[in-house]
C-alpha atoms as a PDB file:
ATOM      1  CA  MET A   1      76.937 137.518  98.440  1.00  0.00           C
ATOM      2  CA  LYS A   2      75.784 133.954  98.895  1.00  0.00           C
ATOM      3  CA  ARG A   3      76.562 131.532 101.718  1.00  0.00           C
ATOM      4  CA  GLN A   4      78.281 128.357 100.547  1.00  0.00           C
ATOM      5  CA  GLY A   5      80.175 125.386 101.868  1.00  0.00           C
ATOM      6  CA  ILE A   6      83.545 124.340 100.500  1.00  0.00           C
ATOM      7  CA  ALA A   7      82.165 121.643  98.189  1.00  0.00           C
ATOM      8  CA  GLU A   8      79.713 124.085  96.624  1.00  0.00           C
ATOM      9  CA  ALA A   9      82.337 126.814  96.295  1.00  0.00           C
ATOM     10  CA  LEU A  10      84.787 124.457  94.613  1.00  0.00           C
ATOM     11  CA  ARG A  11      82.051 123.301  92.232  1.00  0.00           C
ATOM     12  CA  ASP A  12      81.306 126.883  91.231  1.00  0.00           C
ATOM     13  CA  ALA A  13      85.009 127.643  90.834  1.00  0.00           C
ATOM     14  CA  ILE A  14      85.452 124.699  88.473  1.00  0.00           C
ATOM     15  CA  ALA A  15      82.390 125.688  86.436  1.00  0.00           C
ATOM     16  CA  GLU A  16      83.452 129.318  86.196  1.00  0.00           C
ATOM     17  CA  GLU A  17      86.993 128.436  85.125  1.00  0.00           C
ATOM     18  CA  MET A  18      85.681 125.999  82.525  1.00  0.00           C
ATOM     19  CA  GLU A  19      83.383 128.703  81.170  1.00  0.00           C
ATOM     20  CA  ARG A  20      86.228 131.223  81.156  1.00  0.00           C
ATOM     21  CA  ASP A  21      88.803 128.962  79.508  1.00  0.00           C
ATOM     22  CA  GLU A  22      88.021 126.100  77.117  1.00  0.00           C
ATOM     23  CA  SER A  23      91.365 124.449  77.909  1.00  0.00           C
ATOM     24  CA  VAL A  24      90.198 123.595  81.444  1.00  0.00           C
ATOM     25  CA  PHE A  25      88.840 120.086  81.973  1.00  0.00           C
ATOM     26  CA  CYS A  26      88.432 117.627  84.867  1.00  0.00           C
ATOM     27  CA  LEU A  27      89.322 113.976  85.206  1.00  0.00           C
ATOM     28  CA  GLY A  28      89.114 111.502  88.042  1.00  0.00           C
ATOM     29  CA  GLU A  29      87.262 108.514  89.418  1.00  0.00           C
ATOM     30  CA  ASP A  30      83.440 108.740  89.469  1.00  0.00           C
ATOM     31  CA  ILE A  31      83.377 112.512  88.985  1.00  0.00           C
ATOM     32  CA  ALA A  32      80.821 112.516  86.161  1.00  0.00           C
ATOM     33  CA  VAL A  33      78.459 109.599  86.776  1.00  0.00           C
ATOM     34  CA  PRO A  34      74.863 110.522  85.809  1.00  0.00           C
ATOM     35  CA  GLY A  35      72.812 110.309  88.980  1.00  0.00           C
ATOM     36  CA  GLY A  36      76.001 109.864  91.019  1.00  0.00           C
ATOM     37  CA  TRP A  37      77.462 111.838  93.889  1.00  0.00           C
ATOM     38  CA  GLY A  38      79.830 114.033  91.905  1.00  0.00           C
ATOM     39  CA  GLY A  39      83.003 112.384  93.118  1.00  0.00           C
ATOM     40  CA  ALA A  40      83.491 111.120  96.639  1.00  0.00           C
ATOM     41  CA  PHE A  41      82.458 114.431  98.233  1.00  0.00           C
ATOM     42  CA  THR A  42      79.939 115.988  95.780  1.00  0.00           C
ATOM     43  CA  VAL A  43      82.349 118.627  94.458  1.00  0.00           C
ATOM     44  CA  THR A  44      81.651 117.856  90.774  1.00  0.00           C
ATOM     45  CA  LEU A  45      77.935 117.088  91.207  1.00  0.00           C
ATOM     46  CA  GLY A  46      76.027 117.925  88.021  1.00  0.00           C
ATOM     47  CA  LEU A  47      78.974 119.310  86.095  1.00  0.00           C
ATOM     48  CA  GLU A  48      78.768 116.466  83.582  1.00  0.00           C
ATOM     49  CA  LYS A  49      75.457 117.963  82.392  1.00  0.00           C
ATOM     50  CA  GLN A  50      76.980 121.404  81.900  1.00  0.00           C
ATOM     51  CA  PHE A  51      80.277 120.208  80.412  1.00  0.00           C
ATOM     52  CA  PRO A  52      79.668 116.720  78.994  1.00  0.00           C
ATOM     53  CA  ASP A  53      82.878 116.686  76.944  1.00  0.00           C
ATOM     54  CA  ARG A  54      85.177 118.031  79.667  1.00  0.00           C
ATOM     55  CA  MET A  55      84.232 115.890  82.677  1.00  0.00           C
ATOM     56  CA  ILE A  56      86.114 112.620  82.236  1.00  0.00           C
ATOM     57  CA  ASN A  57      85.642 109.525  84.388  1.00  0.00           C
ATOM     58  CA  THR A  58      88.819 107.487  84.706  1.00  0.00           C
ATOM     59  CA  PRO A  59      89.636 103.885  85.596  1.00  0.00           C
ATOM     60  CA  ILE A  60      91.026 103.153  89.055  1.00  0.00           C
ATOM     61  CA  ALA A  61      94.548 103.812  87.799  1.00  0.00           C
ATOM     62  CA  GLU A  62      96.081 106.961  89.294  1.00  0.00           C
ATOM     63  CA  LEU A  63      99.500 106.494  87.700  1.00  0.00           C
ATOM     64  CA  GLY A  64      97.835 106.317  84.303  1.00  0.00           C
ATOM     65  CA  PHE A  65      95.440 109.231  84.485  1.00  0.00           C
ATOM     66  CA  PHE A  66      98.024 111.501  86.109  1.00  0.00           C
ATOM     67  CA  GLY A  67     100.210 110.762  83.106  1.00  0.00           C
ATOM     68  CA  ILE A  68      97.323 111.740  80.840  1.00  0.00           C
ATOM     69  CA  ALA A  69      96.854 114.982  82.786  1.00  0.00           C
ATOM     70  CA  ILE A  70     100.553 115.882  82.615  1.00  0.00           C
ATOM     71  CA  GLY A  71     100.635 115.205  78.890  1.00  0.00           C
ATOM     72  CA  ALA A  72      97.558 117.344  78.361  1.00  0.00           C
ATOM     73  CA  ALA A  73      99.077 120.169  80.434  1.00  0.00           C
ATOM     74  CA  LEU A  74     102.257 120.047  78.352  1.00  0.00           C
ATOM     75  CA  MET A  75     100.134 120.413  75.214  1.00  0.00           C
ATOM     76  CA  GLY A  76      98.402 123.559  76.478  1.00  0.00           C
ATOM     77  CA  MET A  77      95.408 122.197  78.369  1.00  0.00           C
ATOM     78  CA  ARG A  78      94.685 123.001  82.032  1.00  0.00           C
ATOM     79  CA  PRO A  79      93.551 119.779  83.738  1.00  0.00           C
ATOM     80  CA  ILE A  80      92.034 119.534  87.200  1.00  0.00           C
ATOM     81  CA  VAL A  81      92.615 116.072  88.644  1.00  0.00           C
ATOM     82  CA  ASP A  82      90.157 114.892  91.283  1.00  0.00           C
ATOM     83  CA  VAL A  83      91.966 112.477  93.618  1.00  0.00           C
ATOM     84  CA  GLN A  84      89.272 110.437  95.341  1.00  0.00           C
ATOM     85  CA  TYR A  85      91.286 110.242  98.574  1.00  0.00           C
ATOM     86  CA  GLY A  86      94.575 112.013  99.202  1.00  0.00           C
ATOM     87  CA  ASP A  87      96.186 108.692 100.148  1.00  0.00           C
ATOM     88  CA  PHE A  88      95.933 107.662  96.490  1.00  0.00           C
ATOM     89  CA  LEU A  89      98.520 110.302  95.562  1.00  0.00           C
ATOM     90  CA  PHE A  90     101.084 107.657  96.482  1.00  0.00           C
ATOM     91  CA  LEU A  91      99.934 105.638  93.486  1.00  0.00           C
ATOM     92  CA  ALA A  92     100.776 108.539  91.170  1.00  0.00           C
ATOM     93  CA  SER A  93     103.877 109.735  93.002  1.00  0.00           C
ATOM     94  CA  ASP A  94     106.281 109.004  90.145  1.00  0.00           C
ATOM     95  CA  GLN A  95     104.230 111.094  87.730  1.00  0.00           C
ATOM     96  CA  ILE A  96     103.806 113.918  90.251  1.00  0.00           C
ATOM     97  CA  ILE A  97     107.334 114.082  91.656  1.00  0.00           C
ATOM     98  CA  ASN A  98     109.497 113.019  88.721  1.00  0.00           C
ATOM     99  CA  ASN A  99     107.475 114.527  85.894  1.00  0.00           C
ATOM    100  CA  ALA A 100     104.969 117.227  86.856  1.00  0.00           C
ATOM    101  CA  ALA A 101     107.265 118.903  89.391  1.00  0.00           C
ATOM    102  CA  LYS A 102     110.466 118.774  87.319  1.00  0.00           C
ATOM    103  CA  ILE A 103     109.639 119.211  83.641  1.00  0.00           C
ATOM    104  CA  ARG A 104     109.500 123.016  83.647  1.00  0.00           C
ATOM    105  CA  TYR A 105     112.894 123.206  85.375  1.00  0.00           C
ATOM    106  CA  MET A 106     114.467 120.517  83.197  1.00  0.00           C
ATOM    107  CA  SER A 107     113.275 122.275  80.026  1.00  0.00           C
ATOM    108  CA  GLY A 108     114.643 125.660  81.094  1.00  0.00           C
ATOM    109  CA  GLY A 109     111.114 127.017  81.341  1.00  0.00           C
ATOM    110  CA  LYS A 110     110.154 126.062  77.788  1.00  0.00           C
ATOM    111  CA  CYS A 111     107.606 123.471  78.940  1.00  0.00           C
ATOM    112  CA  LYS A 112     104.858 124.343  81.409  1.00  0.00           C
ATOM    113  CA  VAL A 113     102.719 121.990  83.478  1.00  0.00           C
ATOM    114  CA  PRO A 114      99.583 123.920  84.541  1.00  0.00           C
ATOM    115  CA  LEU A 115      98.133 121.004  86.498  1.00  0.00           C
ATOM    116  CA  VAL A 116      95.771 121.209  89.498  1.00  0.00           C
ATOM    117  CA  MET A 117      95.495 118.219  91.842  1.00  0.00           C
ATOM    118  CA  ARG A 118      92.642 118.232  94.390  1.00  0.00           C
ATOM    119  CA  ALA A 119      93.052 115.770  97.267  1.00  0.00           C
ATOM    120  CA  PRO A 120      90.813 115.149 100.336  1.00  0.00           C
ATOM    121  CA  VAL A 121      92.731 114.473 103.554  1.00  0.00           C
ATOM    122  CA  GLY A 122      92.117 113.956 107.276  1.00  0.00           C
ATOM    123  CA  ALA A 123      90.839 111.340 109.673  1.00  0.00           C
ATOM    124  CA  THR A 124      87.101 110.721 109.193  1.00  0.00           C
ATOM    125  CA  GLY A 125      86.352 107.154 110.255  1.00  0.00           C
ATOM    126  CA  ARG A 126      87.722 105.491 107.124  1.00  0.00           C
ATOM    127  CA  GLY A 127      90.800 103.757 108.471  1.00  0.00           C
ATOM    128  CA  ALA A 128      94.522 104.126 107.944  1.00  0.00           C
ATOM    129  CA  GLN A 129      94.549 104.000 104.118  1.00  0.00           C
ATOM    130  CA  HIS A 130      91.890 106.687 103.587  1.00  0.00           C
ATOM    131  CA  ALA A 131      92.714 109.137 106.383  1.00  0.00           C
ATOM    132  CA  GLN A 132      96.278 110.373 106.139  1.00  0.00           C
ATOM    133  CA  SER A 133      97.336 114.003 106.165  1.00  0.00           C
ATOM    134  CA  MET A 134      99.469 114.032 103.032  1.00  0.00           C
ATOM    135  CA  GLU A 135     100.915 117.530 103.198  1.00  0.00           C
ATOM    136  CA  ARG A 136     104.257 116.397 104.657  1.00  0.00           C
ATOM    137  CA  TYR A 137     105.088 114.275 101.632  1.00  0.00           C
ATOM    138  CA  PHE A 138     104.781 117.063  99.066  1.00  0.00           C
ATOM    139  CA  ILE A 139     105.960 120.315 100.662  1.00  0.00           C
ATOM    140  CA  GLY A 140     109.571 119.268 100.118  1.00  0.00           C
ATOM    141  CA  VAL A 141     109.215 118.607  96.375  1.00  0.00           C
ATOM    142  CA  PRO A 142     110.746 121.497  94.405  1.00  0.00           C
ATOM    143  CA  GLY A 143     108.458 122.584  91.596  1.00  0.00           C
ATOM    144  CA  LEU A 144     105.185 121.878  93.406  1.00  0.00           C
ATOM    145  CA  LYS A 145     102.975 124.468  95.045  1.00  0.00           C
ATOM    146  CA  VAL A 146     101.000 123.113  98.007  1.00  0.00           C
ATOM    147  CA  VAL A 147      97.941 124.860  99.441  1.00  0.00           C
ATOM    148  CA  ALA A 148      95.301 123.992 102.041  1.00  0.00           C
ATOM    149  CA  PRO A 149      92.143 126.147 102.228  1.00  0.00           C
ATOM    150  CA  SER A 150      90.078 126.010 105.413  1.00  0.00           C
ATOM    151  CA  ASN A 151      86.919 127.813 104.281  1.00  0.00           C
ATOM    152  CA  ALA A 152      84.767 128.193 101.198  1.00  0.00           C
ATOM    153  CA  TYR A 153      85.946 131.695 100.255  1.00  0.00           C
ATOM    154  CA  ASP A 154      89.582 130.597 100.212  1.00  0.00           C
ATOM    155  CA  ALA A 155      88.788 127.288  98.524  1.00  0.00           C
ATOM    156  CA  LYS A 156      87.130 128.989  95.574  1.00  0.00           C
ATOM    157  CA  GLY A 157      89.730 131.723  95.201  1.00  0.00           C
ATOM    158  CA  ILE A 158      92.664 129.334  95.598  1.00  0.00           C
ATOM    159  CA  LEU A 159      91.290 126.891  93.028  1.00  0.00           C
ATOM    160  CA  LYS A 160      90.883 129.718  90.539  1.00  0.00           C
ATOM    161  CA  SER A 161      94.442 130.881  91.149  1.00  0.00           C
ATOM    162  CA  ALA A 162      95.718 127.318  90.790  1.00  0.00           C
ATOM    163  CA  VAL A 163      93.961 126.801  87.465  1.00  0.00           C
ATOM    164  CA  ARG A 164      95.507 130.001  86.114  1.00  0.00           C
ATOM    165  CA  ASP A 165      99.014 129.179  87.378  1.00  0.00           C
ATOM    166  CA  ASN A 166     101.562 127.663  85.011  1.00  0.00           C
ATOM    167  CA  ASN A 167     102.962 125.310  87.663  1.00  0.00           C
ATOM    168  CA  PRO A 168     101.548 122.125  89.221  1.00  0.00           C
ATOM    169  CA  VAL A 169      99.510 122.878  92.345  1.00  0.00           C
ATOM    170  CA  VAL A 170      98.340 120.379  94.962  1.00  0.00           C
ATOM    171  CA  ILE A 171      95.229 121.504  96.840  1.00  0.00           C
ATOM    172  CA  PHE A 172      94.569 119.610 100.055  1.00  0.00           C
ATOM    173  CA  GLU A 173      90.967 119.743 101.291  1.00  0.00           C
ATOM    174  CA  HIS A 174      89.820 118.387 104.649  1.00  0.00           C
ATOM    175  CA  LYS A 175      86.906 115.992 104.494  1.00  0.00           C
ATOM    176  CA  LEU A 176      85.340 117.422 107.669  1.00  0.00           C
ATOM    177  CA  LEU A 177      85.170 120.904 106.133  1.00  0.00           C
ATOM    178  CA  TYR A 178      83.446 120.202 102.796  1.00  0.00           C
ATOM    179  CA  GLY A 179      79.925 120.817 104.040  1.00  0.00           C
ATOM    180  CA  SER A 180      78.602 118.045 101.782  1.00  0.00           C
ATOM    181  CA  LYS A 181      74.969 117.169 102.302  1.00  0.00           C
ATOM    182  CA  GLY A 182      72.712 114.133 102.132  1.00  0.00           C
ATOM    183  CA  PRO A 183      74.462 110.752 101.957  1.00  0.00           C
ATOM    184  CA  ARG A 184      77.880 112.444 101.808  1.00  0.00           C
ATOM    185  CA  ALA A 185      77.475 114.430 105.038  1.00  0.00           C
ATOM    186  CA  GLU A 186      80.375 113.787 107.432  1.00  0.00           C
ATOM    187  CA  ALA A 187      79.859 113.015 111.111  1.00  0.00           C
ATOM    188  CA  GLY A 188      81.732 115.553 113.219  1.00  0.00           C
ATOM    189  CA  ALA A 189      82.017 118.092 110.399  1.00  0.00           C
ATOM    190  CA  LEU A 190      82.940 121.691 111.185  1.00  0.00           C
ATOM    191  CA  ASP A 191      81.549 124.812 109.555  1.00  0.00           C
ATOM    192  CA  GLY A 192      83.715 125.842 106.612  1.00  0.00           C
ATOM    193  CA  THR A 193      81.028 128.014 104.997  1.00  0.00           C
ATOM    194  CA  SER A 194      81.724 131.557 103.807  1.00  0.00           C
ATOM    195  CA  ASN A 195      79.990 134.477 102.175  1.00  0.00           C
ATOM    196  CA  ILE A 196      80.988 134.203  98.518  1.00  0.00           C
ATOM    197  CA  PRO A 197      80.981 137.305  96.271  1.00  0.00           C
ATOM    198  CA  GLU A 198      79.106 137.165  93.001  1.00  0.00           C
ATOM    199  CA  HIS A 199      82.083 138.687  91.158  1.00  0.00           C
ATOM    200  CA  ASP A 200      85.192 136.868  90.028  1.00  0.00           C
ATOM    201  CA  TYR A 201      88.062 136.816  92.539  1.00  0.00           C
ATOM    202  CA  THR A 202      91.229 134.898  93.321  1.00  0.00           C
ATOM    203  CA  VAL A 203      93.206 134.140  96.493  1.00  0.00           C
ATOM    204  CA  PRO A 204      97.034 134.087  96.287  1.00  0.00           C
ATOM    205  CA  LEU A 205      98.822 130.748  96.492  1.00  0.00           C
ATOM    206  CA  ASP A 206     101.612 132.029  98.741  1.00  0.00           C
ATOM    207  CA  LYS A 207      99.963 133.987 101.563  1.00  0.00           C
ATOM    208  CA  ALA A 208      98.850 133.099 105.078  1.00  0.00           C
ATOM    209  CA  VAL A 209      96.027 134.996 106.764  1.00  0.00           C
ATOM    210  CA  VAL A 210      95.489 136.158 110.351  1.00  0.00           C
ATOM    211  CA  ARG A 211      92.139 134.760 111.498  1.00  0.00           C
ATOM    212  CA  ARG A 212      92.289 136.292 114.965  1.00  0.00           C
ATOM    213  CA  GLU A 213      94.607 138.990 116.268  1.00  0.00           C
ATOM    214  CA  GLY A 214      96.421 138.645 119.573  1.00  0.00           C
ATOM    215  CA  SER A 215      99.492 139.697 121.490  1.00  0.00           C
ATOM    216  CA  ASP A 216     100.561 136.883 123.872  1.00  0.00           C
ATOM    217  CA  VAL A 217     101.109 133.850 121.644  1.00  0.00           C
ATOM    218  CA  THR A 218     100.896 132.903 117.954  1.00  0.00           C
ATOM    219  CA  ILE A 219      99.007 129.729 117.049  1.00  0.00           C
ATOM    220  CA  LEU A 220      99.577 128.427 113.518  1.00  0.00           C
ATOM    221  CA  GLY A 221      97.394 125.821 111.826  1.00  0.00           C
ATOM    222  CA  TRP A 222      95.741 124.888 108.550  1.00  0.00           C
ATOM    223  CA  LEU A 223      92.642 123.003 107.406  1.00  0.00           C
ATOM    224  CA  LEU A 224      90.812 121.487 110.402  1.00  0.00           C
ATOM    225  CA  MET A 225      93.509 122.612 112.826  1.00  0.00           C
ATOM    226  CA  ALA A 226      92.953 126.258 111.889  1.00  0.00           C
ATOM    227  CA  HIS A 227      89.362 125.946 113.086  1.00  0.00           C
ATOM    228  CA  LEU A 228      90.364 124.204 116.301  1.00  0.00           C
ATOM    229  CA  SER A 229      93.008 126.859 116.912  1.00  0.00           C
ATOM    230  CA  ILE A 230      90.375 129.591 116.674  1.00  0.00           C
ATOM    231  CA  GLY A 231      88.222 127.676 119.151  1.00  0.00           C
ATOM    232  CA  ALA A 232      91.169 127.433 121.531  1.00  0.00           C
ATOM    233  CA  ALA A 233      91.911 131.142 121.156  1.00  0.00           C
ATOM    234  CA  GLU A 234      88.352 131.992 122.107  1.00  0.00           C
ATOM    235  CA  GLN A 235      88.660 129.941 125.289  1.00  0.00           C
ATOM    236  CA  LEU A 236      92.030 131.520 126.078  1.00  0.00           C
ATOM    237  CA  ALA A 237      90.519 134.982 125.710  1.00  0.00           C
ATOM    238  CA  ALA A 238      88.044 134.158 128.479  1.00  0.00           C
ATOM    239  CA  HIS A 239      91.078 133.661 130.758  1.00  0.00           C
ATOM    240  CA  GLY A 240      92.850 136.852 129.729  1.00  0.00           C
ATOM    241  CA  ILE A 241      95.267 135.281 127.230  1.00  0.00           C
ATOM    242  CA  SER A 242      95.422 136.969 123.842  1.00  0.00           C
ATOM    243  CA  ALA A 243      96.224 134.429 121.103  1.00  0.00           C
ATOM    244  CA  GLU A 244      96.842 135.350 117.492  1.00  0.00           C
ATOM    245  CA  VAL A 245      95.715 132.634 115.055  1.00  0.00           C
ATOM    246  CA  ILE A 246      97.332 132.305 111.637  1.00  0.00           C
ATOM    247  CA  ASP A 247      95.733 130.094 109.001  1.00  0.00           C
ATOM    248  CA  LEU A 248      98.755 129.170 106.888  1.00  0.00           C
ATOM    249  CA  ARG A 249      96.780 128.315 103.707  1.00  0.00           C
ATOM    250  CA  SER A 250     100.029 127.984 101.736  1.00  0.00           C
ATOM    251  CA  LEU A 251     102.369 125.175 102.813  1.00  0.00           C
ATOM    252  CA  SER A 252     104.786 125.502  99.906  1.00  0.00           C
ATOM    253  CA  PRO A 253     105.869 128.223  99.782  1.00  0.00           C
ATOM    254  CA  ILE A 254     105.482 129.091 103.477  1.00  0.00           C
ATOM    255  CA  ASP A 255     104.621 132.730 104.162  1.00  0.00           C
ATOM    256  CA  TYR A 256     107.366 133.555 106.657  1.00  0.00           C
ATOM    257  CA  GLU A 257     106.728 137.264 106.206  1.00  0.00           C
ATOM    258  CA  SER A 258     103.301 136.972 107.838  1.00  0.00           C
ATOM    259  CA  ILE A 259     104.537 134.463 110.395  1.00  0.00           C
ATOM    260  CA  GLY A 260     107.447 136.728 111.294  1.00  0.00           C
ATOM    261  CA  ARG A 261     105.251 139.766 111.906  1.00  0.00           C
ATOM    262  CA  SER A 262     103.188 137.766 114.364  1.00  0.00           C
ATOM    263  CA  VAL A 263     106.013 135.945 116.133  1.00  0.00           C
ATOM    264  CA  LYS A 264     108.024 139.153 116.586  1.00  0.00           C
ATOM    265  CA  LYS A 265     104.964 140.653 118.267  1.00  0.00           C
ATOM    266  CA  THR A 266     104.066 137.729 120.543  1.00  0.00           C
ATOM    267  CA  GLY A 267     107.455 136.109 121.103  1.00  0.00           C
ATOM    268  CA  ARG A 268     105.873 132.663 121.267  1.00  0.00           C
ATOM    269  CA  ALA A 269     104.628 130.144 118.699  1.00  0.00           C
ATOM    270  CA  VAL A 270     102.505 126.989 118.832  1.00  0.00           C
ATOM    271  CA  ILE A 271     102.123 124.987 115.607  1.00  0.00           C
ATOM    272  CA  VAL A 272      99.225 122.555 115.255  1.00  0.00           C
ATOM    273  CA  GLU A 273      98.998 119.844 112.596  1.00  0.00           C
ATOM    274  CA  GLU A 274      96.918 116.728 112.164  1.00  0.00           C
ATOM    275  CA  GLY A 275      99.647 114.499 110.741  1.00  0.00           C
ATOM    276  CA  PRO A 276     102.282 112.586 112.715  1.00  0.00           C
ATOM    277  CA  LYS A 277     104.876 114.698 114.495  1.00  0.00           C
ATOM    278  CA  THR A 278     108.104 113.192 113.168  1.00  0.00           C
ATOM    279  CA  GLY A 279     109.064 114.779 109.847  1.00  0.00           C
ATOM    280  CA  GLY A 280     105.870 116.809 109.752  1.00  0.00           C
ATOM    281  CA  VAL A 281     105.044 120.222 108.325  1.00  0.00           C
ATOM    282  CA  SER A 282     105.270 121.662 111.839  1.00  0.00           C
ATOM    283  CA  ALA A 283     108.885 120.509 112.058  1.00  0.00           C
ATOM    284  CA  GLU A 284     109.768 122.508 108.941  1.00  0.00           C
ATOM    285  CA  ILE A 285     107.917 125.606 110.142  1.00  0.00           C
ATOM    286  CA  ALA A 286     109.448 125.384 113.618  1.00  0.00           C
ATOM    287  CA  ALA A 287     112.914 125.226 112.059  1.00  0.00           C
ATOM    288  CA  GLY A 288     112.066 128.139 109.774  1.00  0.00           C
ATOM    289  CA  ILE A 289     110.856 130.253 112.692  1.00  0.00           C
ATOM    290  CA  SER A 290     113.929 129.431 114.771  1.00  0.00           C
ATOM    291  CA  GLU A 291     116.312 130.246 111.922  1.00  0.00           C
ATOM    292  CA  ARG A 292     114.635 133.522 110.987  1.00  0.00           C
ATOM    293  CA  PHE A 293     113.172 134.839 114.234  1.00  0.00           C
ATOM    294  CA  GLY A 294     114.801 132.815 116.994  1.00  0.00           C
ATOM    295  CA  HIS A 295     116.337 135.928 118.561  1.00  0.00           C
ATOM    296  CA  THR A 296     112.833 137.331 119.132  1.00  0.00           C
ATOM    297  CA  LEU A 297     111.406 134.214 120.794  1.00  0.00           C
ATOM    298  CA  GLN A 298     110.748 134.240 124.533  1.00  0.00           C
ATOM    299  CA  ALA A 299     110.241 130.447 124.625  1.00  0.00           C
ATOM    300  CA  PRO A 300     110.977 127.456 122.358  1.00  0.00           C
ATOM    301  CA  VAL A 301     108.430 126.736 119.622  1.00  0.00           C
ATOM    302  CA  VAL A 302     105.834 124.147 120.666  1.00  0.00           C
ATOM    303  CA  ARG A 303     104.636 121.562 118.131  1.00  0.00           C
ATOM    304  CA  LEU A 304     101.327 119.750 118.547  1.00  0.00           C
ATOM    305  CA  ALA A 305     100.704 116.809 116.211  1.00  0.00           C
ATOM    306  CA  SER A 306      99.368 113.282 116.044  1.00  0.00           C
ATOM    307  CA  PRO A 307     101.431 110.340 117.341  1.00  0.00           C
ATOM    308  CA  ASP A 308     103.720 108.406 115.012  1.00  0.00           C
ATOM    309  CA  VAL A 309     101.241 105.610 114.321  1.00  0.00           C
ATOM    310  CA  PRO A 310      98.836 104.917 111.422  1.00  0.00           C
ATOM    311  CA  VAL A 311      95.463 106.617 111.698  1.00  0.00           C
ATOM    312  CA  PRO A 312      93.212 104.319 113.779  1.00  0.00           C
ATOM    313  CA  PHE A 313      89.809 103.169 112.531  1.00  0.00           C
ATOM    314  CA  SER A 314      88.019 103.141 115.895  1.00  0.00           C
ATOM    315  CA  PRO A 315      86.150 106.450 116.352  1.00  0.00           C
ATOM    316  CA  VAL A 316      87.269 106.608 119.987  1.00  0.00           C
ATOM    317  CA  LEU A 317      90.907 106.093 119.064  1.00  0.00           C
ATOM    318  CA  GLU A 318      90.625 108.419 116.078  1.00  0.00           C
ATOM    319  CA  ASN A 319      89.415 111.255 118.298  1.00  0.00           C
ATOM    320  CA  ALA A 320      92.254 110.537 120.710  1.00  0.00           C
ATOM    321  CA  TYR A 321      94.735 110.448 117.832  1.00  0.00           C
ATOM    322  CA  ARG A 322      94.624 113.953 116.421  1.00  0.00           C
ATOM    323  CA  PRO A 323      95.115 117.261 118.277  1.00  0.00           C
ATOM    324  CA  ASP A 324      92.027 118.887 119.757  1.00  0.00           C
ATOM    325  CA  VAL A 325      91.186 122.103 121.610  1.00  0.00           C
ATOM    326  CA  PRO A 326      92.281 120.820 125.071  1.00  0.00           C
ATOM    327  CA  ARG A 327      95.679 119.843 123.661  1.00  0.00           C
ATOM    328  CA  ILE A 328      96.066 123.229 122.003  1.00  0.00           C
ATOM    329  CA  LEU A 329      95.261 124.888 125.325  1.00  0.00           C
ATOM    330  CA  ALA A 330      97.894 122.721 127.007  1.00  0.00           C
ATOM    331  CA  GLY A 331     100.438 123.681 124.350  1.00  0.00           C
ATOM    332  CA  VAL A 332      99.750 127.377 124.914  1.00  0.00           C
ATOM    333  CA  ARG A 333     100.142 126.922 128.658  1.00  0.00           C
ATOM    334  CA  GLN A 334     103.457 125.187 128.004  1.00  0.00           C
ATOM    335  CA  VAL A 335     104.829 127.988 125.811  1.00  0.00           C
ATOM    336  CA  LEU A 336     103.638 130.592 128.319  1.00  0.00           C
ATOM    337  CA  GLY A 337     105.351 128.705 131.149  1.00  0.00           C
ATOM    338  CA  PHE A 338     102.443 127.752 133.355  1.00  0.00           C
END
């Protein structure tokens, strides 16, 4: 075992997959600059020395290099696209939604698009155009798999599974969980480190995981919100309230089997997401819970999310914008009726 942060674990996963399979390569902005940072968050640091022909720096032209990646995937390669900030996925949305997500279906399965897209998300003092939680925009696109690892163990195993999958996979990574060091360290970062096995392993792309068992209420979150939910559960335990915390990990597909086991046991659900409330991931999950397990609920599902405004730049406003532990505690009190 070795202790690693998410950025380090992702770096090792990329290197190991490139060593395992010569068809794997990376492309993106500033990912292979000698003496550089290894992309915006150090994930690809030094890989250009190990794989000089398979680490490709691109122009600032997402629509173009996503097209290159899709074409390469169709021809049997397995590209990993590094999106500097998740917000820039909008610039490549035609390639992602109309091509990557649909070609396998439109070809009757004859054409495969084994494409991995890594995208940093979350509010981190960078303003409205570099801080959005992009999950909501992609979970409803048939043909895409959408995952969101909250710790280093999952990040490495999920990336490996994504590279080996024959479908396009979007991996959302929260900037406050990378564990990047030096000039790329993030103020207010949380600990996403894990013990990483020396042996090869994968994590499934369609399974949630119970981070803390409980019996009174189910709290569901992902990325940063999974960590805050665990913190809230620990405080609730001190007051005699047993909260079960589910880290969703997979946002498309959603693991309703795991969610159902928990909700049937607790009878109550609180969903926490960083993005705006209207049209959010929590809205879809709340509907899914109500449709499948509504007869077992003892109270309506509670959704906690950010307000329907752009992400503010001011650190004070940014901290007030997204859900935090006190708001999760208030949501639990609401669903418990006190």
